[in-house]
Structures are given as C-alpha cells and as structure tokens.
PDB file of N, CA and C in Angstrom:
ATOM      1  N   MET A   1       0.884  -1.252   0.390  1.00  0.00           N
ATOM      2  CA  MET A   1      -0.144   0.005   0.494  1.00  0.00           C
ATOM      3  C   MET A   1       0.808   1.231  -0.374  1.00  0.00           C
ATOM      4  N   SER A   2       0.358   2.145  -1.090  1.00  0.00           N
ATOM      5  CA  SER A   2       1.228   3.158  -1.175  1.00  0.00           C
ATOM      6  C   SER A   2       1.009   4.416  -0.547  1.00  0.00           C
ATOM      7  N   ILE A   3       1.460   5.660  -0.351  1.00  0.00           N
ATOM      8  CA  ILE A   3       1.187   6.603   0.441  1.00  0.00           C
ATOM      9  C   ILE A   3      -0.395   7.560  -0.390  1.00  0.00           C
ATOM     10  N   VAL A   4       0.089   7.516  -1.207  1.00  0.00           N
ATOM     11  CA  VAL A   4      -0.886   8.014  -2.298  1.00  0.00           C
ATOM     12  C   VAL A   4      -2.650   7.014  -2.340  1.00  0.00           C
ATOM     13  N   ASP A   5      -2.594   5.926  -2.356  1.00  0.00           N
ATOM     14  CA  ASP A   5      -3.591   5.076  -1.277  1.00  0.00           C
ATOM     15  C   ASP A   5      -4.019   5.750  -0.700  1.00  0.00           C
ATOM     16  N   ILE A   6      -3.513   5.781   0.498  1.00  0.00           N
ATOM     17  CA  ILE A   6      -4.156   6.120   1.905  1.00  0.00           C
ATOM     18  C   ILE A   6      -4.387   7.702   2.027  1.00  0.00           C
ATOM     19  N   PHE A   7      -3.473   7.927   0.975  1.00  0.00           N
ATOM     20  CA  PHE A   7      -4.397   9.672   1.169  1.00  0.00           C
ATOM     21  C   PHE A   7      -5.685   9.430   0.610  1.00  0.00           C
ATOM     22  N   THR A   8      -6.133   9.031  -0.234  1.00  0.00           N
ATOM     23  CA  THR A   8      -6.955   9.002  -1.262  1.00  0.00           C
ATOM     24  C   THR A   8      -8.093   7.758  -0.920  1.00  0.00           C
ATOM     25  N   ASN A   9      -7.782   7.013   0.420  1.00  0.00           N
ATOM     26  CA  ASN A   9      -8.703   6.377   0.336  1.00  0.00           C
ATOM     27  C   ASN A   9     -10.059   7.096   1.819  1.00  0.00           C
ATOM     28  N   PRO A  10     -11.632   6.687   1.330  1.00  0.00           N
ATOM     29  CA  PRO A  10     -12.546   7.647   1.835  1.00  0.00           C
ATOM     30  C   PRO A  10     -12.220   7.566   3.049  1.00  0.00           C
ATOM     31  N   ALA A  11     -11.849   6.895   4.210  1.00  0.00           N
ATOM     32  CA  ALA A  11     -11.937   6.980   5.556  1.00  0.00           C
ATOM     33  C   ALA A  11     -11.215   7.942   5.732  1.00  0.00           C
ATOM     34  N   PHE A  12      -9.569   7.744   5.438  1.00  0.00           N
ATOM     35  CA  PHE A  12      -8.799   8.751   5.571  1.00  0.00           C
ATOM     36  C   PHE A  12      -9.526  10.401   5.200  1.00  0.00           C
ATOM     37  N   VAL A  13     -10.248  10.609   4.610  1.00  0.00           N
ATOM     38  CA  VAL A  13     -10.674  12.043   3.706  1.00  0.00           C
ATOM     39  C   VAL A  13     -11.445  12.195   4.762  1.00  0.00           C
ATOM     40  N   MET A  14     -12.771  11.230   4.920  1.00  0.00           N
ATOM     41  CA  MET A  14     -13.646  11.650   5.675  1.00  0.00           C
ATOM     42  C   MET A  14     -13.321  12.104   7.401  1.00  0.00           C
ATOM     43  N   VAL A  15     -12.325  11.342   8.036  1.00  0.00           N
ATOM     44  CA  VAL A  15     -11.716  11.734   9.173  1.00  0.00           C
ATOM     45  C   VAL A  15     -10.845  13.469   8.707  1.00  0.00           C
ATOM     46  N   ALA A  16      -9.990  13.209   8.300  1.00  0.00           N
ATOM     47  CA  ALA A  16      -9.286  14.304   8.383  1.00  0.00           C
ATOM     48  C   ALA A  16     -10.054  16.017   8.165  1.00  0.00           C
ATOM     49  N   MET A  17     -11.332  15.394   7.159  1.00  0.00           N
ATOM     50  CA  MET A  17     -12.577  16.523   6.676  1.00  0.00           C
ATOM     51  C   MET A  17     -13.212  16.973   8.130  1.00  0.00           C
ATOM     52  N   ALA A  18     -13.159  15.744   9.201  1.00  0.00           N
ATOM     53  CA  ALA A  18     -14.351  15.778  10.294  1.00  0.00           C
ATOM     54  C   ALA A  18     -13.015  16.874  11.340  1.00  0.00           C
ATOM     55  N   ALA A  19     -11.861  16.582  11.110  1.00  0.00           N
ATOM     56  CA  ALA A  19     -11.006  17.235  12.269  1.00  0.00           C
ATOM     57  C   ALA A  19     -10.388  18.690  11.533  1.00  0.00           C
ATOM     58  N   ILE A  20     -10.865  18.968  10.617  1.00  0.00           N
ATOM     59  CA  ILE A  20     -10.930  20.262  10.298  1.00  0.00           C
ATOM     60  C   ILE A  20     -12.103  21.000  10.372  1.00  0.00           C
ATOM     61  N   GLY A  21     -13.228  20.480  10.470  1.00  0.00           N
ATOM     62  CA  GLY A  21     -14.135  20.891  10.395  1.00  0.00           C
ATOM     63  C   GLY A  21     -14.930  21.148  11.914  1.00  0.00           C
ATOM     64  N   GLY A  22     -14.413  20.719  12.957  1.00  0.00           N
ATOM     65  CA  GLY A  22     -13.575  20.745  14.412  1.00  0.00           C
ATOM     66  C   GLY A  22     -12.722  21.611  14.817  1.00  0.00           C
ATOM     67  N   TRP A  23     -12.222  22.200  14.214  1.00  0.00           N
ATOM     68  CA  TRP A  23     -10.884  23.074  14.413  1.00  0.00           C
ATOM     69  C   TRP A  23     -11.919  24.436  14.206  1.00  0.00           C
ATOM     70  N   VAL A  24     -12.393  24.060  13.234  1.00  0.00           N
ATOM     71  CA  VAL A  24     -12.768  25.692  13.116  1.00  0.00           C
ATOM     72  C   VAL A  24     -14.105  25.845  13.291  1.00  0.00           C
ATOM     73  N   PHE A  25     -14.534  24.975  13.596  1.00  0.00           N
ATOM     74  CA  PHE A  25     -16.238  25.239  14.909  1.00  0.00           C
ATOM     75  C   PHE A  25     -15.473  25.593  15.927  1.00  0.00           C
ATOM     76  N   THR A  26     -14.557  24.724  16.715  1.00  0.00           N
ATOM     77  CA  THR A  26     -14.203  25.322  18.353  1.00  0.00           C
ATOM     78  C   THR A  26     -13.461  26.707  18.186  1.00  0.00           C
ATOM     79  N   THR A  27     -13.065  27.880  16.971  1.00  0.00           N
ATOM     80  CA  THR A  27     -12.222  28.766  16.782  1.00  0.00           C
ATOM     81  C   THR A  27     -13.777  29.424  16.496  1.00  0.00           C
ATOM     82  N   TRP A  28     -14.342  29.571  15.741  1.00  0.00           N
ATOM     83  CA  TRP A  28     -15.199  30.128  15.755  1.00  0.00           C
ATOM     84  C   TRP A  28     -16.194  30.365  17.216  1.00  0.00           C
ATOM     85  N   LEU A  29     -16.643  29.358  18.031  1.00  0.00           N
ATOM     86  CA  LEU A  29     -17.522  29.645  18.929  1.00  0.00           C
ATOM     87  C   LEU A  29     -15.995  30.419  19.913  1.00  0.00           C
ATOM     88  N   ARG A  30     -14.703  30.331  20.217  1.00  0.00           N
ATOM     89  CA  ARG A  30     -13.569  30.635  20.528  1.00  0.00           C
ATOM     90  C   ARG A  30     -14.063  32.327  20.380  1.00  0.00           C
ATOM     91  N   VAL A  31     -13.809  32.697  19.534  1.00  0.00           N
ATOM     92  CA  VAL A  31     -14.687  34.552  18.800  1.00  0.00           C
ATOM     93  C   VAL A  31     -15.602  35.013  19.046  1.00  0.00           C
ATOM     94  N   LYS A  32     -16.654  33.985  18.886  1.00  0.00           N
ATOM     95  CA  LYS A  32     -18.356  34.369  19.653  1.00  0.00           C
ATOM     96  C   LYS A  32     -18.301  34.960  20.540  1.00  0.00           C
ATOM     97  N   HIS A  33     -17.514  33.757  21.683  1.00  0.00           N
ATOM     98  CA  HIS A  33     -17.461  34.190  22.983  1.00  0.00           C
ATOM     99  C   HIS A  33     -16.547  35.309  23.671  1.00  0.00           C
ATOM    100  N   GLY A  34     -15.919  35.352  22.856  1.00  0.00           N
ATOM    101  CA  GLY A  34     -14.706  36.368  23.606  1.00  0.00           C
ATOM    102  C   GLY A  34     -13.238  36.114  24.076  1.00  0.00           C
ATOM    103  N   TYR A  35     -13.470  34.895  23.355  1.00  0.00           N
ATOM    104  CA  TYR A  35     -11.883  33.766  24.322  1.00  0.00           C
ATOM    105  C   TYR A  35     -10.789  34.360  23.808  1.00  0.00           C
ATOM    106  N   PRO A  36      -9.299  34.148  24.202  1.00  0.00           N
ATOM    107  CA  PRO A  36      -8.829  34.579  23.216  1.00  0.00           C
ATOM    108  C   PRO A  36      -8.242  33.035  22.518  1.00  0.00           C
ATOM    109  N   LEU A  37      -7.419  33.618  21.413  1.00  0.00           N
ATOM    110  CA  LEU A  37      -7.014  32.853  20.379  1.00  0.00           C
ATOM    111  C   LEU A  37      -5.765  32.344  21.191  1.00  0.00           C
ATOM    112  N   GLU A  38      -5.321  30.741  21.016  1.00  0.00           N
ATOM    113  CA  GLU A  38      -3.805  30.610  21.269  1.00  0.00           C
ATOM    114  C   GLU A  38      -2.941  29.804  19.746  1.00  0.00           C
ATOM    115  N   GLY A  39      -1.846  30.472  19.530  1.00  0.00           N
ATOM    116  CA  GLY A  39      -0.844  29.694  18.533  1.00  0.00           C
ATOM    117  C   GLY A  39      -0.665  28.220  18.805  1.00  0.00           C
ATOM    118  N   SER A  40      -0.008  27.400  18.106  1.00  0.00           N
ATOM    119  CA  SER A  40       0.432  26.276  18.131  1.00  0.00           C
ATOM    120  C   SER A  40       0.961  25.751  19.004  1.00  0.00           C
ATOM    121  N   TRP A  41       1.908  26.960  20.404  1.00  0.00           N
ATOM    122  CA  TRP A  41       3.276  26.577  21.583  1.00  0.00           C
ATOM    123  C   TRP A  41       2.091  27.586  22.217  1.00  0.00           C
ATOM    124  N   GLY A  42       0.919  27.547  22.661  1.00  0.00           N
ATOM    125  CA  GLY A  42      -0.070  28.067  23.565  1.00  0.00           C
ATOM    126  C   GLY A  42       0.239  29.767  23.711  1.00  0.00           C
ATOM    127  N   GLN A  43       1.040  30.237  22.966  1.00  0.00           N
ATOM    128  CA  GLN A  43       1.026  31.576  23.083  1.00  0.00           C
ATOM    129  C   GLN A  43      -0.726  32.409  22.266  1.00  0.00           C
ATOM    130  N   THR A  44      -0.721  33.633  23.224  1.00  0.00           N
ATOM    131  CA  THR A  44      -2.295  34.417  23.156  1.00  0.00           C
ATOM    132  C   THR A  44      -2.127  34.797  21.203  1.00  0.00           C
ATOM    133  N   LEU A  45      -2.839  34.690  20.837  1.00  0.00           N
ATOM    134  CA  LEU A  45      -3.268  35.255  19.444  1.00  0.00           C
ATOM    135  C   LEU A  45      -3.689  37.036  19.898  1.00  0.00           C
ATOM    136  N   LYS A  46      -4.950  37.076  20.683  1.00  0.00           N
ATOM    137  CA  LYS A  46      -5.621  37.712  20.590  1.00  0.00           C
ATOM    138  C   LYS A  46      -5.736  38.450  21.983  1.00  0.00           C
ATOM    139  N   PRO A  47      -4.606  39.473  22.807  1.00  0.00           N
ATOM    140  CA  PRO A  47      -5.006  39.130  24.198  1.00  0.00           C
ATOM    141  C   PRO A  47      -5.797  40.214  24.699  1.00  0.00           C
ATOM    142  N   GLY A  48      -6.143  39.823  25.852  1.00  0.00           N
ATOM    143  CA  GLY A  48      -7.563  40.137  26.346  1.00  0.00           C
ATOM    144  C   GLY A  48      -7.764  41.638  26.528  1.00  0.00           C
ATOM    145  N   GLN A  49      -8.396  42.773  27.475  1.00  0.00           N
ATOM    146  CA  GLN A  49      -8.268  44.226  27.444  1.00  0.00           C
ATOM    147  C   GLN A  49      -7.450  44.255  29.033  1.00  0.00           C
ATOM    148  N   SER A  50      -6.655  45.126  28.630  1.00  0.00           N
ATOM    149  CA  SER A  50      -5.414  45.413  29.837  1.00  0.00           C
ATOM    150  C   SER A  50      -6.221  46.721  30.255  1.00  0.00           C
ATOM    151  N   ASN A  51      -5.773  47.155  31.499  1.00  0.00           N
ATOM    152  CA  ASN A  51      -5.969  47.970  32.793  1.00  0.00           C
ATOM    153  C   ASN A  51      -6.139  49.510  31.637  1.00  0.00           C
ATOM    154  N   GLU A  52      -5.383  49.905  30.671  1.00  0.00           N
ATOM    155  CA  GLU A  52      -4.855  51.193  29.719  1.00  0.00           C
ATOM    156  C   GLU A  52      -6.012  50.732  28.846  1.00  0.00           C
ATOM    157  N   ALA A  53      -6.495  50.084  27.984  1.00  0.00           N
ATOM    158  CA  ALA A  53      -7.335  49.791  27.033  1.00  0.00           C
ATOM    159  C   ALA A  53      -8.615  50.481  27.752  1.00  0.00           C
ATOM    160  N   VAL A  54      -8.665  49.663  29.213  1.00  0.00           N
ATOM    161  CA  VAL A  54     -10.244  49.656  29.661  1.00  0.00           C
ATOM    162  C   VAL A  54     -10.187  51.714  30.128  1.00  0.00           C
ATOM    163  N   GLU A  55      -9.172  51.775  30.372  1.00  0.00           N
ATOM    164  CA  GLU A  55      -9.153  53.674  30.710  1.00  0.00           C
ATOM    165  C   GLU A  55      -8.880  54.111  29.390  1.00  0.00           C
ATOM    166  N   ARG A  56      -8.426  53.922  28.358  1.00  0.00           N
ATOM    167  CA  ARG A  56      -8.693  54.771  27.205  1.00  0.00           C
ATOM    168  C   ARG A  56      -9.945  54.708  26.472  1.00  0.00           C
ATOM    169  N   ILE A  57     -11.058  53.434  26.441  1.00  0.00           N
ATOM    170  CA  ILE A  57     -12.022  53.257  26.627  1.00  0.00           C
ATOM    171  C   ILE A  57     -13.266  54.285  27.614  1.00  0.00           C
ATOM    172  N   LYS A  58     -12.852  54.477  28.739  1.00  0.00           N
ATOM    173  CA  LYS A  58     -13.695  55.221  29.437  1.00  0.00           C
ATOM    174  C   LYS A  58     -13.153  56.580  28.957  1.00  0.00           C
ATOM    175  N   LEU A  59     -12.245  56.934  28.696  1.00  0.00           N
ATOM    176  CA  LEU A  59     -11.893  58.544  27.917  1.00  0.00           C
ATOM    177  C   LEU A  59     -12.620  59.089  27.128  1.00  0.00           C
ATOM    178  N   LEU A  60     -12.317  57.504  25.762  1.00  0.00           N
ATOM    179  CA  LEU A  60     -13.149  58.123  24.756  1.00  0.00           C
ATOM    180  C   LEU A  60     -14.780  58.556  24.959  1.00  0.00           C
ATOM    181  N   THR A  61     -15.271  57.379  25.257  1.00  0.00           N
ATOM    182  CA  THR A  61     -17.121  57.471  26.040  1.00  0.00           C
ATOM    183  C   THR A  61     -16.566  58.656  26.360  1.00  0.00           C
ATOM    184  N   THR A  62     -16.233  59.126  27.508  1.00  0.00           N
ATOM    185  CA  THR A  62     -16.319  60.638  28.125  1.00  0.00           C
ATOM    186  C   THR A  62     -16.638  61.826  26.961  1.00  0.00           C
ATOM    187  N   GLU A  63     -15.446  61.435  26.146  1.00  0.00           N
ATOM    188  CA  GLU A  63     -15.137  62.700  25.490  1.00  0.00           C
ATOM    189  C   GLU A  63     -16.224  62.857  24.189  1.00  0.00           C
ATOM    190  N   ASN A  64     -16.603  61.622  23.539  1.00  0.00           N
ATOM    191  CA  ASN A  64     -17.958  61.111  22.780  1.00  0.00           C
ATOM    192  C   ASN A  64     -18.924  61.986  23.184  1.00  0.00           C
ATOM    193  N   ALA A  65     -19.493  62.070  24.524  1.00  0.00           N
ATOM    194  CA  ALA A  65     -20.451  62.506  25.284  1.00  0.00           C
ATOM    195  C   ALA A  65     -20.559  64.067  25.126  1.00  0.00           C
ATOM    196  N   GLN A  66     -19.096  64.455  25.625  1.00  0.00           N
ATOM    197  CA  GLN A  66     -18.996  65.593  25.474  1.00  0.00           C
ATOM    198  C   GLN A  66     -19.171  66.450  24.142  1.00  0.00           C
ATOM    199  N   LEU A  67     -18.994  65.647  23.164  1.00  0.00           N
ATOM    200  CA  LEU A  67     -18.670  66.224  21.892  1.00  0.00           C
ATOM    201  C   LEU A  67     -20.464  65.898  21.360  1.00  0.00           C
ATOM    202  N   GLY A  68     -21.391  65.440  21.533  1.00  0.00           N
ATOM    203  CA  GLY A  68     -22.488  65.376  21.569  1.00  0.00           C
ATOM    204  C   GLY A  68     -23.311  65.957  21.789  1.00  0.00           C
ATOM    205  N   ALA A  69     -22.581  66.841  22.604  1.00  0.00           N
ATOM    206  CA  ALA A  69     -23.714  68.004  23.954  1.00  0.00           C
ATOM    207  C   ALA A  69     -23.296  69.050  23.133  1.00  0.00           C
ATOM    208  N   GLU A  70     -21.704  69.002  22.749  1.00  0.00           N
ATOM    209  CA  GLU A  70     -21.107  70.268  21.812  1.00  0.00           C
ATOM    210  C   GLU A  70     -22.217  70.232  20.329  1.00  0.00           C
ATOM    211  N   LEU A  71     -22.321  69.394  19.996  1.00  0.00           N
ATOM    212  CA  LEU A  71     -22.794  69.091  18.503  1.00  0.00           C
ATOM    213  C   LEU A  71     -24.467  69.617  18.945  1.00  0.00           C
ATOM    214  N   ALA A  72     -25.167  68.822  19.843  1.00  0.00           N
ATOM    215  CA  ALA A  72     -26.184  69.085  20.127  1.00  0.00           C
ATOM    216  C   ALA A  72     -26.853  71.232  20.115  1.00  0.00           C
ATOM    217  N   ALA A  73     -25.794  71.679  21.049  1.00  0.00           N
ATOM    218  CA  ALA A  73     -26.095  72.670  21.310  1.00  0.00           C
ATOM    219  C   ALA A  73     -25.670  73.930  19.424  1.00  0.00           C
ATOM    220  N   LEU A  74     -24.748  73.231  18.943  1.00  0.00           N
ATOM    221  CA  LEU A  74     -24.142  74.098  17.106  1.00  0.00           C
ATOM    222  C   LEU A  74     -25.463  74.018  17.050  1.00  0.00           C
ATOM    223  N   LYS A  75     -26.309  72.785  16.471  1.00  0.00           N
ATOM    224  CA  LYS A  75     -27.313  72.044  15.476  1.00  0.00           C
ATOM    225  C   LYS A  75     -28.780  73.647  15.974  1.00  0.00           C
ATOM    226  N   ASP A  76     -28.182  73.565  17.556  1.00  0.00           N
ATOM    227  CA  ASP A  76     -29.783  74.956  18.637  1.00  0.00           C
ATOM    228  C   ASP A  76     -29.309  76.004  17.364  1.00  0.00           C
ATOM    229  N   ARG A  77     -28.106  76.490  17.586  1.00  0.00           N
ATOM    230  CA  ARG A  77     -27.565  77.879  16.839  1.00  0.00           C
ATOM    231  C   ARG A  77     -28.073  77.587  15.395  1.00  0.00           C
ATOM    232  N   VAL A  78     -26.990  76.785  14.902  1.00  0.00           N
ATOM    233  CA  VAL A  78     -27.821  77.365  13.366  1.00  0.00           C
ATOM    234  C   VAL A  78     -28.786  77.052  13.078  1.00  0.00           C
ATOM    235  N   GLN A  79     -29.894  76.134  13.793  1.00  0.00           N
ATOM    236  CA  GLN A  79     -31.026  76.517  13.241  1.00  0.00           C
ATOM    237  C   GLN A  79     -31.945  78.103  13.812  1.00  0.00           C
ATOM    238  N   THR A  80     -31.062  78.361  14.868  1.00  0.00           N
ATOM    239  CA  THR A  80     -31.426  79.862  14.981  1.00  0.00           C
ATOM    240  C   THR A  80     -31.020  80.600  14.213  1.00  0.00           C
ATOM    241  N   LEU A  81     -29.929  80.556  13.530  1.00  0.00           N
ATOM    242  CA  LEU A  81     -28.988  81.576  12.611  1.00  0.00           C
ATOM    243  C   LEU A  81     -30.273  80.945  11.199  1.00  0.00           C
ATOM    244  N   GLU A  82     -30.720  79.853  10.793  1.00  0.00           N
ATOM    245  CA  GLU A  82     -31.121  79.606   9.598  1.00  0.00           C
ATOM    246  C   GLU A  82     -32.859  81.105   9.446  1.00  0.00           C
ATOM    247  N   ARG A  83     -33.286  80.585  10.421  1.00  0.00           N
ATOM    248  CA  ARG A  83     -34.326  81.134  11.046  1.00  0.00           C
ATOM    249  C   ARG A  83     -34.078  82.431  10.588  1.00  0.00           C
ATOM    250  N   ILE A  84     -33.088  83.128  11.635  1.00  0.00           N
ATOM    251  CA  ILE A  84     -32.785  84.132  11.148  1.00  0.00           C
ATOM    252  C   ILE A  84     -33.134  85.278   9.675  1.00  0.00           C
ATOM    253  N   ALA A  85     -32.166  83.947   9.164  1.00  0.00           N
ATOM    254  CA  ALA A  85     -31.852  84.805   7.992  1.00  0.00           C
ATOM    255  C   ALA A  85     -32.898  84.202   6.868  1.00  0.00           C
ATOM    256  N   THR A  86     -33.756  82.839   7.190  1.00  0.00           N
ATOM    257  CA  THR A  86     -34.969  83.186   5.878  1.00  0.00           C
ATOM    258  C   THR A  86     -36.190  84.085   6.475  1.00  0.00           C
ATOM    259  N   ASP A  87     -36.450  84.471   7.453  1.00  0.00           N
ATOM    260  CA  ASP A  87     -37.831  85.098   7.918  1.00  0.00           C
ATOM    261  C   ASP A  87     -37.707  86.639   7.439  1.00  0.00           C
ATOM    262  N   SER A  88     -38.603  86.944   7.299  1.00  0.00           N
ATOM    263  CA  SER A  88     -38.503  87.948   6.637  1.00  0.00           C
ATOM    264  C   SER A  88     -38.427  89.225   7.849  1.00  0.00           C
ATOM    265  N   SER A  89     -37.689  90.755   7.247  1.00  0.00           N
ATOM    266  CA  SER A  89     -37.193  91.346   8.425  1.00  0.00           C
ATOM    267  C   SER A  89     -38.114  92.219   9.233  1.00  0.00           C
ATOM    268  N   GLY A  90     -39.290  92.279   8.787  1.00  0.00           N
ATOM    269  CA  GLY A  90     -40.051  93.176   9.363  1.00  0.00           C
ATOM    270  C   GLY A  90     -40.658  91.830  10.559  1.00  0.00           C
ATOM    271  N   ARG A  91     -40.508  91.031  10.859  1.00  0.00           N
ATOM    272  CA  ARG A  91     -41.193  89.770  11.807  1.00  0.00           C
ATOM    273  C   ARG A  91     -39.975  89.839  12.666  1.00  0.00           C
ATOM    274  N   ILE A  92     -38.839  90.025  12.198  1.00  0.00           N
ATOM    275  CA  ILE A  92     -36.986  89.977  13.267  1.00  0.00           C
ATOM    276  C   ILE A  92     -37.752  91.300  13.858  1.00  0.00           C
ATOM    277  N   ALA A  93     -38.211  91.926  13.221  1.00  0.00           N
ATOM    278  CA  ALA A  93     -37.699  93.544  13.718  1.00  0.00           C
ATOM    279  C   ALA A  93     -38.839  93.356  15.350  1.00  0.00           C
ATOM    280  N   ARG A  94     -40.114  92.731  15.039  1.00  0.00           N
ATOM    281  CA  ARG A  94     -41.507  92.795  15.991  1.00  0.00           C
ATOM    282  C   ARG A  94     -40.841  91.966  17.240  1.00  0.00           C
ATOM    283  N   GLU A  95     -40.032  90.651  17.185  1.00  0.00           N
ATOM    284  CA  GLU A  95     -39.956  90.158  17.571  1.00  0.00           C
ATOM    285  C   GLU A  95     -38.440  90.518  18.816  1.00  0.00           C
ATOM    286  N   ILE A  96     -38.056  91.310  18.026  1.00  0.00           N
ATOM    287  CA  ILE A  96     -36.985  91.666  18.915  1.00  0.00           C
ATOM    288  C   ILE A  96     -37.024  93.218  19.672  1.00  0.00           C
ATOM    289  N   GLU A  97     -38.727  93.933  19.063  1.00  0.00           N
ATOM    290  CA  GLU A  97     -38.915  95.110  19.967  1.00  0.00           C
ATOM    291  C   GLU A  97     -39.699  94.535  21.170  1.00  0.00           C
ATOM    292  N   ASN A  98     -40.641  92.920  20.696  1.00  0.00           N
ATOM    293  CA  ASN A  98     -41.259  91.953  21.583  1.00  0.00           C
ATOM    294  C   ASN A  98     -39.951  91.963  22.680  1.00  0.00           C
ATOM    295  N   LEU A  99     -39.258  91.651  22.763  1.00  0.00           N
ATOM    296  CA  LEU A  99     -37.917  91.035  23.373  1.00  0.00           C
ATOM    297  C   LEU A  99     -37.218  92.362  24.378  1.00  0.00           C
ATOM    298  N   ARG A 100     -37.246  93.596  23.927  1.00  0.00           N
ATOM    299  CA  ARG A 100     -37.279  94.887  24.815  1.00  0.00           C
ATOM    300  C   ARG A 100     -38.451  94.478  25.900  1.00  0.00           C
ATOM    301  N   HIS A 101     -39.144  94.338  25.113  1.00  0.00           N
ATOM    302  CA  HIS A 101     -40.794  95.017  26.284  1.00  0.00           C
ATOM    303  C   HIS A 101     -40.627  94.215  27.487  1.00  0.00           C
TER     304      HIS A 101
END
C-alpha cells in the first residue's frame, strides 16, 4: 500500500475533513464568545483587554458624550441662525421689540 492509496482512502479523507471542521467550529466558538485564541505553542494571539485599554475606552466614551452635547448646542444655534436668515426682516424686528418690552 503506497502513500497515495492512504491519502485517497475515503475513510482517511472523512476523518481529515471532520478534524478540520471541528477545528474551524471551535475557533468560531472562541471568537464568538470572546475567548483569546492560542497559537500552536500556546501563545495568546488575541490578548485580553488591559487596564490601559479599559481606561482609554472610558476616556473616549466621556469625550464622545461631550462632543455630542456640543454638537446638539451647535445644531440649535445653526437652526436659530437659519430662521433669522430666512424670515422676513419685519417679523424679526417685531420679535426683537417684543423681547425688549
């Protein structure tokens, strides 16, 4: 029996395909559930989050909230400026006079 006969044997091919399919499935499960992947020598391929990364995420979240608030204020200001630019001059003058009284 030659090496070619072994690799073309249907039983060998089925076992090999099952092994490869199992490896793909377990890797998918690890990725899906956030487990770190390991290399062939046990080294971590996807390191977990460090304290530095967690702090950076907190800072970015805070900055994002501040920028969102600033954006909302600017949208309100632009809306007011658009209203002033598109309204008739007589109406704006009346509103200003009403605010003075």
